[in-house]
Amino acid sequence: MEESEDMPKDFIKLKSEKLSVDEVSELVVSPSCGAVSLFIGTTRNNFKGRKVIHLEYEAYSSMAETEIKKICRDVREKWPSVKHIAMYHRLGVVPITEASVIIAVSSPHRTESLEAVTYCINTLKASVPIWKKEIYEDEYSWKENKECFWANSEK
C-alpha cells in the first residue's frame, strides 16, 4: 500500500443491521500503525436488578452523523498521530449480547488510540442525538445518558 492510499479516514455509520467487530476493526488497520483500540458496547440482560429483554435505539440520523464527524475532528486535534477512526452505532432493536456501538481507532502507538477511543465513546454518549429504550418483561423505559449535556442542563 502506498502512503497516499493510507491517508487518515473517518468511517461513520448508523445502521439497523447487526454490527460486525471484524468489519469495523479492519477499516482502521494501517501499515503505519502498531495499535488498533476498540470499544464494543453490548446489550446486557439486566439493569438495576430488572430483566432486560432487548434495547431499541432511535436517532436523528443527519444530526447524529454531523456530531460524530465533530468528534472525529476533535480526536485529530487532540491526538494528531491517530490514523483512522471508525464509529458505528446500531439503530432499532438490539438483542442481548449484541453490539450497540463499535468504535475503532488506529495510531502508531497504543496510548493515543486508547485515549482516543475513550474520548469517542464518552463524547458520543454526551453529545450525539441517539436515544435508548430498555424493554423489560412488563414495561419499557427511555434511558438518558448521565453524560448527556441536554439532560443535565435542565436539572
N, C-alpha and C. Protein backbone atom coordinates (compact mmCIF):
# COMPACT_ATOMS: atom_id res chain seq x y z
N MET A 1 0.85 -1.18 0.00
CA MET A 1 0.00 0.00 0.00
C MET A 1 0.89 1.24 0.00
N GLU A 2 0.63 2.13 -0.93
CA GLU A 2 1.38 3.37 -0.97
C GLU A 2 0.90 4.31 0.12
N GLU A 3 1.79 5.20 0.56
CA GLU A 3 1.45 6.15 1.63
C GLU A 3 0.22 6.98 1.27
N SER A 4 0.08 7.38 -0.01
CA SER A 4 -1.06 8.19 -0.42
C SER A 4 -2.38 7.42 -0.29
N GLU A 5 -2.32 6.10 -0.35
CA GLU A 5 -3.53 5.28 -0.21
C GLU A 5 -3.91 5.10 1.26
N ASP A 6 -3.03 5.50 2.16
CA ASP A 6 -3.29 5.32 3.59
C ASP A 6 -3.49 6.66 4.30
N MET A 7 -4.15 7.59 3.62
CA MET A 7 -4.45 8.88 4.24
C MET A 7 -5.46 8.66 5.37
N PRO A 8 -5.41 9.48 6.44
CA PRO A 8 -6.36 9.31 7.54
C PRO A 8 -7.82 9.37 7.05
N LYS A 9 -8.61 8.44 7.58
CA LYS A 9 -10.01 8.36 7.17
C LYS A 9 -10.90 8.20 8.41
N ASP A 10 -12.14 8.70 8.27
CA ASP A 10 -13.17 8.51 9.29
C ASP A 10 -14.28 7.68 8.66
N PHE A 11 -14.71 6.66 9.38
CA PHE A 11 -15.77 5.78 8.91
C PHE A 11 -16.91 5.89 9.92
N ILE A 12 -18.04 6.41 9.47
CA ILE A 12 -19.18 6.67 10.36
C ILE A 12 -20.40 5.98 9.77
N LYS A 13 -21.10 5.22 10.60
CA LYS A 13 -22.29 4.55 10.09
C LYS A 13 -23.30 4.33 11.21
N LEU A 14 -24.56 4.65 10.89
CA LEU A 14 -25.71 4.30 11.73
C LEU A 14 -26.49 3.29 10.92
N LYS A 15 -26.76 2.12 11.49
CA LYS A 15 -27.44 1.08 10.71
C LYS A 15 -28.31 0.20 11.59
N SER A 16 -29.31 -0.39 10.97
CA SER A 16 -30.23 -1.24 11.73
C SER A 16 -29.80 -2.70 11.72
N GLU A 17 -28.82 -3.05 10.87
CA GLU A 17 -28.35 -4.43 10.82
C GLU A 17 -27.31 -4.68 11.92
N LYS A 18 -27.10 -5.94 12.22
CA LYS A 18 -26.11 -6.35 13.22
C LYS A 18 -24.74 -5.78 12.87
N LEU A 19 -24.04 -5.26 13.89
CA LEU A 19 -22.71 -4.70 13.70
C LEU A 19 -21.66 -5.82 13.75
N SER A 20 -20.60 -5.66 12.95
CA SER A 20 -19.53 -6.64 12.90
C SER A 20 -18.24 -6.04 13.45
N VAL A 21 -17.73 -6.63 14.51
CA VAL A 21 -16.46 -6.17 15.10
C VAL A 21 -15.34 -6.31 14.08
N ASP A 22 -15.31 -7.43 13.36
CA ASP A 22 -14.26 -7.64 12.35
C ASP A 22 -14.31 -6.55 11.28
N GLU A 23 -15.50 -6.27 10.77
CA GLU A 23 -15.63 -5.25 9.72
C GLU A 23 -15.13 -3.90 10.20
N VAL A 24 -15.55 -3.48 11.39
CA VAL A 24 -15.17 -2.16 11.89
C VAL A 24 -13.68 -2.11 12.20
N SER A 25 -13.14 -3.12 12.84
CA SER A 25 -11.71 -3.08 13.18
C SER A 25 -10.83 -3.12 11.94
N GLU A 26 -11.25 -3.86 10.91
CA GLU A 26 -10.46 -3.93 9.67
C GLU A 26 -10.41 -2.59 8.95
N LEU A 27 -11.43 -1.76 9.12
CA LEU A 27 -11.45 -0.45 8.47
C LEU A 27 -10.28 0.43 8.91
N VAL A 28 -9.83 0.27 10.14
CA VAL A 28 -8.83 1.19 10.69
C VAL A 28 -7.40 0.65 10.65
N VAL A 29 -7.22 -0.59 10.24
CA VAL A 29 -5.87 -1.16 10.17
C VAL A 29 -5.04 -0.37 9.18
N SER A 30 -3.79 -0.10 9.57
CA SER A 30 -2.89 0.66 8.72
C SER A 30 -1.48 0.11 8.88
N PRO A 31 -0.71 0.03 7.77
CA PRO A 31 0.66 -0.46 7.89
C PRO A 31 1.55 0.45 8.72
N SER A 32 1.15 1.70 8.92
CA SER A 32 1.96 2.63 9.71
C SER A 32 1.59 2.64 11.20
N CYS A 33 0.64 1.80 11.57
CA CYS A 33 0.14 1.82 12.95
C CYS A 33 0.40 0.50 13.66
N GLY A 34 0.83 0.61 14.91
CA GLY A 34 1.05 -0.57 15.74
C GLY A 34 -0.06 -0.79 16.75
N ALA A 35 -1.10 0.05 16.70
CA ALA A 35 -2.19 -0.09 17.66
C ALA A 35 -3.54 0.10 16.98
N VAL A 36 -4.46 -0.79 17.31
CA VAL A 36 -5.88 -0.63 17.00
C VAL A 36 -6.61 -0.85 18.31
N SER A 37 -7.29 0.18 18.76
CA SER A 37 -8.05 0.07 20.01
C SER A 37 -9.53 0.05 19.67
N LEU A 38 -10.27 -0.80 20.42
CA LEU A 38 -11.70 -0.98 20.18
C LEU A 38 -12.51 -0.76 21.44
N PHE A 39 -13.70 -0.20 21.25
CA PHE A 39 -14.71 -0.23 22.30
C PHE A 39 -15.94 -0.87 21.68
N ILE A 40 -16.51 -1.84 22.38
CA ILE A 40 -17.72 -2.51 21.93
C ILE A 40 -18.74 -2.42 23.06
N GLY A 41 -19.81 -1.69 22.82
CA GLY A 41 -20.89 -1.59 23.80
C GLY A 41 -21.96 -2.59 23.44
N THR A 42 -22.27 -3.50 24.37
CA THR A 42 -23.24 -4.57 24.10
C THR A 42 -24.47 -4.45 25.00
N THR A 43 -25.54 -5.08 24.57
CA THR A 43 -26.78 -5.10 25.35
C THR A 43 -26.65 -6.15 26.45
N ARG A 44 -26.83 -5.71 27.70
CA ARG A 44 -26.80 -6.65 28.82
C ARG A 44 -28.23 -7.05 29.18
N ASN A 45 -28.35 -8.12 29.94
CA ASN A 45 -29.68 -8.67 30.24
C ASN A 45 -30.30 -8.14 31.52
N ASN A 46 -29.69 -7.10 32.11
CA ASN A 46 -30.23 -6.58 33.37
C ASN A 46 -29.88 -5.11 33.53
N PHE A 47 -30.70 -4.43 34.33
CA PHE A 47 -30.41 -3.05 34.73
C PHE A 47 -31.03 -2.84 36.10
N LYS A 48 -30.18 -2.60 37.09
CA LYS A 48 -30.62 -2.37 38.48
C LYS A 48 -31.59 -3.45 38.95
N GLY A 49 -31.21 -4.69 38.72
CA GLY A 49 -31.99 -5.82 39.19
C GLY A 49 -33.19 -6.18 38.34
N ARG A 50 -33.42 -5.47 37.26
CA ARG A 50 -34.56 -5.76 36.37
C ARG A 50 -34.07 -6.52 35.14
N LYS A 51 -34.88 -7.45 34.68
CA LYS A 51 -34.54 -8.23 33.50
C LYS A 51 -34.80 -7.41 32.23
N VAL A 52 -33.76 -7.21 31.44
CA VAL A 52 -33.87 -6.51 30.17
C VAL A 52 -34.07 -7.54 29.06
N ILE A 53 -35.08 -7.32 28.22
CA ILE A 53 -35.39 -8.22 27.10
C ILE A 53 -34.55 -7.84 25.88
N HIS A 54 -34.49 -6.55 25.56
CA HIS A 54 -33.65 -6.02 24.48
C HIS A 54 -33.64 -4.50 24.60
N LEU A 55 -32.82 -3.86 23.79
CA LEU A 55 -32.78 -2.40 23.69
C LEU A 55 -33.30 -1.98 22.33
N GLU A 56 -33.79 -0.74 22.27
CA GLU A 56 -34.18 -0.15 20.99
C GLU A 56 -33.55 1.24 20.93
N TYR A 57 -32.94 1.55 19.80
CA TYR A 57 -32.29 2.85 19.60
C TYR A 57 -32.97 3.61 18.48
N GLU A 58 -33.12 4.92 18.70
CA GLU A 58 -33.61 5.84 17.68
C GLU A 58 -32.61 6.98 17.59
N ALA A 59 -32.55 7.60 16.42
CA ALA A 59 -31.62 8.70 16.23
C ALA A 59 -32.18 9.72 15.25
N TYR A 60 -31.74 10.93 15.42
CA TYR A 60 -31.90 11.96 14.40
C TYR A 60 -30.64 11.80 13.56
N SER A 61 -30.71 10.96 12.52
CA SER A 61 -29.53 10.46 11.82
C SER A 61 -28.62 11.54 11.25
N SER A 62 -29.16 12.51 10.55
CA SER A 62 -28.27 13.51 9.93
C SER A 62 -27.55 14.32 10.99
N MET A 63 -28.25 14.66 12.06
CA MET A 63 -27.61 15.41 13.14
C MET A 63 -26.60 14.52 13.88
N ALA A 64 -26.95 13.26 14.09
CA ALA A 64 -26.04 12.33 14.77
C ALA A 64 -24.75 12.18 13.98
N GLU A 65 -24.86 12.03 12.67
CA GLU A 65 -23.66 11.89 11.84
C GLU A 65 -22.81 13.16 11.89
N THR A 66 -23.45 14.32 11.89
CA THR A 66 -22.72 15.59 11.99
C THR A 66 -21.97 15.67 13.31
N GLU A 67 -22.61 15.27 14.40
CA GLU A 67 -21.96 15.31 15.71
C GLU A 67 -20.80 14.31 15.79
N ILE A 68 -20.97 13.15 15.18
CA ILE A 68 -19.89 12.15 15.18
C ILE A 68 -18.69 12.68 14.38
N LYS A 69 -18.97 13.36 13.26
CA LYS A 69 -17.87 13.97 12.49
C LYS A 69 -17.10 14.98 13.35
N LYS A 70 -17.82 15.74 14.17
CA LYS A 70 -17.16 16.70 15.08
C LYS A 70 -16.26 15.96 16.07
N ILE A 71 -16.72 14.84 16.57
CA ILE A 71 -15.90 14.05 17.49
C ILE A 71 -14.61 13.62 16.79
N CYS A 72 -14.73 13.16 15.56
CA CYS A 72 -13.54 12.74 14.80
C CYS A 72 -12.58 13.91 14.62
N ARG A 73 -13.10 15.09 14.30
CA ARG A 73 -12.23 16.28 14.16
C ARG A 73 -11.53 16.59 15.47
N ASP A 74 -12.28 16.51 16.58
CA ASP A 74 -11.68 16.77 17.90
C ASP A 74 -10.56 15.78 18.21
N VAL A 75 -10.79 14.51 17.88
CA VAL A 75 -9.77 13.48 18.12
C VAL A 75 -8.51 13.83 17.36
N ARG A 76 -8.64 14.23 16.13
CA ARG A 76 -7.47 14.56 15.31
C ARG A 76 -6.71 15.78 15.84
N GLU A 77 -7.43 16.71 16.47
CA GLU A 77 -6.75 17.85 17.09
C GLU A 77 -6.03 17.44 18.36
N LYS A 78 -6.67 16.60 19.17
CA LYS A 78 -6.09 16.19 20.46
C LYS A 78 -4.98 15.15 20.31
N TRP A 79 -5.13 14.25 19.34
CA TRP A 79 -4.15 13.17 19.10
C TRP A 79 -3.80 13.17 17.62
N PRO A 80 -2.89 14.05 17.20
CA PRO A 80 -2.56 14.18 15.77
C PRO A 80 -2.02 12.91 15.12
N SER A 81 -1.49 12.00 15.91
CA SER A 81 -0.94 10.77 15.32
C SER A 81 -2.02 9.73 14.98
N VAL A 82 -3.27 9.93 15.41
CA VAL A 82 -4.34 8.98 15.09
C VAL A 82 -4.48 8.90 13.57
N LYS A 83 -4.56 7.68 13.07
CA LYS A 83 -4.66 7.46 11.63
C LYS A 83 -6.12 7.35 11.18
N HIS A 84 -6.80 6.28 11.59
CA HIS A 84 -8.17 6.06 11.14
C HIS A 84 -9.10 5.94 12.35
N ILE A 85 -10.35 6.37 12.15
CA ILE A 85 -11.37 6.31 13.19
C ILE A 85 -12.63 5.69 12.57
N ALA A 86 -13.22 4.73 13.25
CA ALA A 86 -14.50 4.15 12.82
C ALA A 86 -15.46 4.21 14.00
N MET A 87 -16.64 4.78 13.76
CA MET A 87 -17.67 4.85 14.79
C MET A 87 -18.98 4.35 14.16
N TYR A 88 -19.40 3.16 14.58
CA TYR A 88 -20.64 2.55 14.08
C TYR A 88 -21.62 2.43 15.24
N HIS A 89 -22.87 2.80 15.00
CA HIS A 89 -23.91 2.66 16.03
C HIS A 89 -25.12 2.00 15.41
N ARG A 90 -25.66 1.07 16.14
CA ARG A 90 -26.84 0.34 15.67
C ARG A 90 -28.10 1.11 16.04
N LEU A 91 -29.10 1.03 15.18
CA LEU A 91 -30.42 1.60 15.43
C LEU A 91 -31.44 0.47 15.41
N GLY A 92 -32.61 0.73 16.00
CA GLY A 92 -33.65 -0.29 16.07
C GLY A 92 -33.40 -1.24 17.23
N VAL A 93 -33.91 -2.46 17.09
CA VAL A 93 -33.83 -3.46 18.16
C VAL A 93 -32.43 -4.07 18.21
N VAL A 94 -31.87 -4.12 19.43
CA VAL A 94 -30.56 -4.74 19.64
C VAL A 94 -30.73 -5.82 20.72
N PRO A 95 -30.69 -7.11 20.33
CA PRO A 95 -30.86 -8.20 21.29
C PRO A 95 -29.72 -8.27 22.32
N ILE A 96 -29.98 -9.01 23.38
CA ILE A 96 -29.00 -9.25 24.44
C ILE A 96 -27.72 -9.81 23.81
N THR A 97 -26.60 -9.34 24.27
CA THR A 97 -25.21 -9.70 23.89
C THR A 97 -24.75 -9.10 22.57
N GLU A 98 -25.64 -8.51 21.77
CA GLU A 98 -25.21 -7.92 20.50
C GLU A 98 -24.70 -6.49 20.71
N ALA A 99 -23.86 -6.04 19.79
CA ALA A 99 -23.24 -4.72 19.89
C ALA A 99 -24.21 -3.60 19.50
N SER A 100 -24.25 -2.58 20.35
CA SER A 100 -25.00 -1.35 20.04
C SER A 100 -24.08 -0.33 19.39
N VAL A 101 -22.82 -0.34 19.80
CA VAL A 101 -21.85 0.62 19.29
C VAL A 101 -20.49 -0.06 19.22
N ILE A 102 -19.76 0.24 18.13
CA ILE A 102 -18.37 -0.22 17.99
C ILE A 102 -17.55 0.98 17.54
N ILE A 103 -16.48 1.24 18.28
CA ILE A 103 -15.57 2.32 17.94
C ILE A 103 -14.18 1.72 17.81
N ALA A 104 -13.49 2.07 16.73
CA ALA A 104 -12.13 1.59 16.50
C ALA A 104 -11.25 2.77 16.10
N VAL A 105 -10.04 2.79 16.65
CA VAL A 105 -9.08 3.85 16.36
C VAL A 105 -7.70 3.23 16.17
N SER A 106 -7.00 3.66 15.11
CA SER A 106 -5.63 3.21 14.93
C SER A 106 -4.67 4.38 15.10
N SER A 107 -3.49 4.04 15.60
CA SER A 107 -2.42 5.02 15.77
C SER A 107 -1.10 4.26 15.83
N PRO A 108 0.02 4.98 15.67
CA PRO A 108 1.30 4.30 15.72
C PRO A 108 1.56 3.60 17.06
N HIS A 109 1.05 4.20 18.16
CA HIS A 109 1.30 3.66 19.50
C HIS A 109 -0.01 3.55 20.27
N ARG A 110 -0.05 2.66 21.26
CA ARG A 110 -1.29 2.34 21.96
C ARG A 110 -1.88 3.48 22.78
N THR A 111 -1.05 4.31 23.39
CA THR A 111 -1.58 5.34 24.29
C THR A 111 -2.58 6.24 23.57
N GLU A 112 -2.21 6.71 22.39
CA GLU A 112 -3.09 7.61 21.65
C GLU A 112 -4.39 6.93 21.24
N SER A 113 -4.31 5.70 20.76
CA SER A 113 -5.53 5.03 20.32
C SER A 113 -6.45 4.70 21.49
N LEU A 114 -5.88 4.30 22.62
CA LEU A 114 -6.70 4.03 23.81
C LEU A 114 -7.37 5.29 24.33
N GLU A 115 -6.62 6.37 24.41
CA GLU A 115 -7.19 7.64 24.89
C GLU A 115 -8.27 8.14 23.91
N ALA A 116 -8.02 8.01 22.62
CA ALA A 116 -8.97 8.47 21.62
C ALA A 116 -10.27 7.66 21.66
N VAL A 117 -10.17 6.34 21.82
CA VAL A 117 -11.37 5.51 21.92
C VAL A 117 -12.21 5.91 23.14
N THR A 118 -11.56 6.14 24.27
CA THR A 118 -12.28 6.57 25.47
C THR A 118 -12.97 7.90 25.23
N TYR A 119 -12.27 8.83 24.62
CA TYR A 119 -12.85 10.14 24.31
C TYR A 119 -14.05 9.96 23.37
N CYS A 120 -13.92 9.13 22.36
CA CYS A 120 -15.00 8.92 21.39
C CYS A 120 -16.28 8.42 22.06
N ILE A 121 -16.19 7.38 22.87
CA ILE A 121 -17.42 6.84 23.46
C ILE A 121 -18.01 7.81 24.48
N ASN A 122 -17.18 8.44 25.28
CA ASN A 122 -17.71 9.38 26.28
C ASN A 122 -18.36 10.58 25.61
N THR A 123 -17.76 11.09 24.56
CA THR A 123 -18.31 12.25 23.87
C THR A 123 -19.55 11.87 23.07
N LEU A 124 -19.54 10.70 22.46
CA LEU A 124 -20.73 10.22 21.75
C LEU A 124 -21.92 10.17 22.70
N LYS A 125 -21.74 9.58 23.86
CA LYS A 125 -22.83 9.45 24.82
C LYS A 125 -23.30 10.81 25.33
N ALA A 126 -22.38 11.78 25.37
CA ALA A 126 -22.71 13.11 25.90
C ALA A 126 -23.35 14.03 24.87
N SER A 127 -23.08 13.82 23.58
CA SER A 127 -23.49 14.85 22.63
C SER A 127 -24.24 14.39 21.39
N VAL A 128 -24.28 13.11 21.12
CA VAL A 128 -24.90 12.65 19.87
C VAL A 128 -26.36 12.28 20.12
N PRO A 129 -27.29 12.79 19.28
CA PRO A 129 -28.72 12.53 19.49
C PRO A 129 -29.14 11.12 19.06
N ILE A 130 -28.78 10.18 19.94
CA ILE A 130 -29.21 8.77 19.80
C ILE A 130 -29.87 8.42 21.12
N TRP A 131 -31.11 7.90 21.04
CA TRP A 131 -31.87 7.62 22.25
C TRP A 131 -32.07 6.12 22.42
N LYS A 132 -32.01 5.69 23.68
CA LYS A 132 -32.09 4.26 24.02
C LYS A 132 -33.35 3.99 24.83
N LYS A 133 -34.06 2.93 24.43
CA LYS A 133 -35.22 2.46 25.19
C LYS A 133 -34.92 1.05 25.67
N GLU A 134 -35.00 0.83 26.99
CA GLU A 134 -34.82 -0.51 27.55
C GLU A 134 -36.19 -1.17 27.65
N ILE A 135 -36.28 -2.37 27.09
CA ILE A 135 -37.52 -3.13 27.13
C ILE A 135 -37.35 -4.20 28.21
N TYR A 136 -38.24 -4.14 29.22
CA TYR A 136 -38.25 -5.12 30.30
C TYR A 136 -39.38 -6.13 30.04
N GLU A 137 -39.53 -7.09 30.94
CA GLU A 137 -40.58 -8.10 30.77
C GLU A 137 -41.97 -7.48 30.72
N ASP A 138 -42.23 -6.46 31.54
CA ASP A 138 -43.59 -5.94 31.68
C ASP A 138 -43.75 -4.47 31.32
N GLU A 139 -42.67 -3.79 30.95
CA GLU A 139 -42.75 -2.38 30.58
C GLU A 139 -41.47 -1.96 29.86
N TYR A 140 -41.35 -0.67 29.60
CA TYR A 140 -40.13 -0.15 28.98
C TYR A 140 -39.78 1.19 29.63
N SER A 141 -38.56 1.62 29.37
CA SER A 141 -38.09 2.89 29.93
C SER A 141 -37.10 3.54 28.97
N TRP A 142 -37.34 4.80 28.61
CA TRP A 142 -36.36 5.56 27.84
C TRP A 142 -35.25 5.94 28.80
N LYS A 143 -34.01 5.72 28.39
CA LYS A 143 -32.86 5.98 29.25
C LYS A 143 -32.09 7.19 28.75
N GLU A 144 -31.70 8.06 29.68
CA GLU A 144 -30.82 9.15 29.29
C GLU A 144 -29.41 8.81 29.75
N ASN A 145 -28.45 9.21 28.98
CA ASN A 145 -27.06 9.02 29.37
C ASN A 145 -26.72 10.05 30.43
N LYS A 146 -26.10 9.61 31.51
CA LYS A 146 -25.73 10.55 32.57
C LYS A 146 -24.76 11.60 32.05
N GLU A 147 -24.05 11.28 30.95
CA GLU A 147 -23.09 12.21 30.36
C GLU A 147 -23.77 13.25 29.46
N CYS A 148 -25.02 13.02 29.10
CA CYS A 148 -25.71 13.82 28.10
C CYS A 148 -25.90 15.26 28.56
N PHE A 149 -25.35 16.22 27.80
CA PHE A 149 -25.38 17.61 28.23
C PHE A 149 -26.78 18.19 28.24
N TRP A 150 -27.68 17.81 27.31
CA TRP A 150 -29.01 18.41 27.32
C TRP A 150 -29.88 17.88 28.45
N ALA A 151 -29.62 16.65 28.89
CA ALA A 151 -30.39 16.10 30.01
C ALA A 151 -29.95 16.78 31.32
N ASN A 152 -28.66 17.06 31.46
CA ASN A 152 -28.14 17.66 32.69
C ASN A 152 -28.40 19.16 32.78
N SER A 153 -28.63 19.83 31.66
CA SER A 153 -28.81 21.28 31.68
C SER A 153 -30.16 21.68 32.28
N GLU A 154 -31.11 20.75 32.30
CA GLU A 154 -32.43 21.05 32.83
C GLU A 154 -32.55 20.80 34.32
N LYS A 155 -31.51 20.25 34.95
CA LYS A 155 -31.60 19.87 36.35
C LYS A 155 -31.00 20.93 37.22
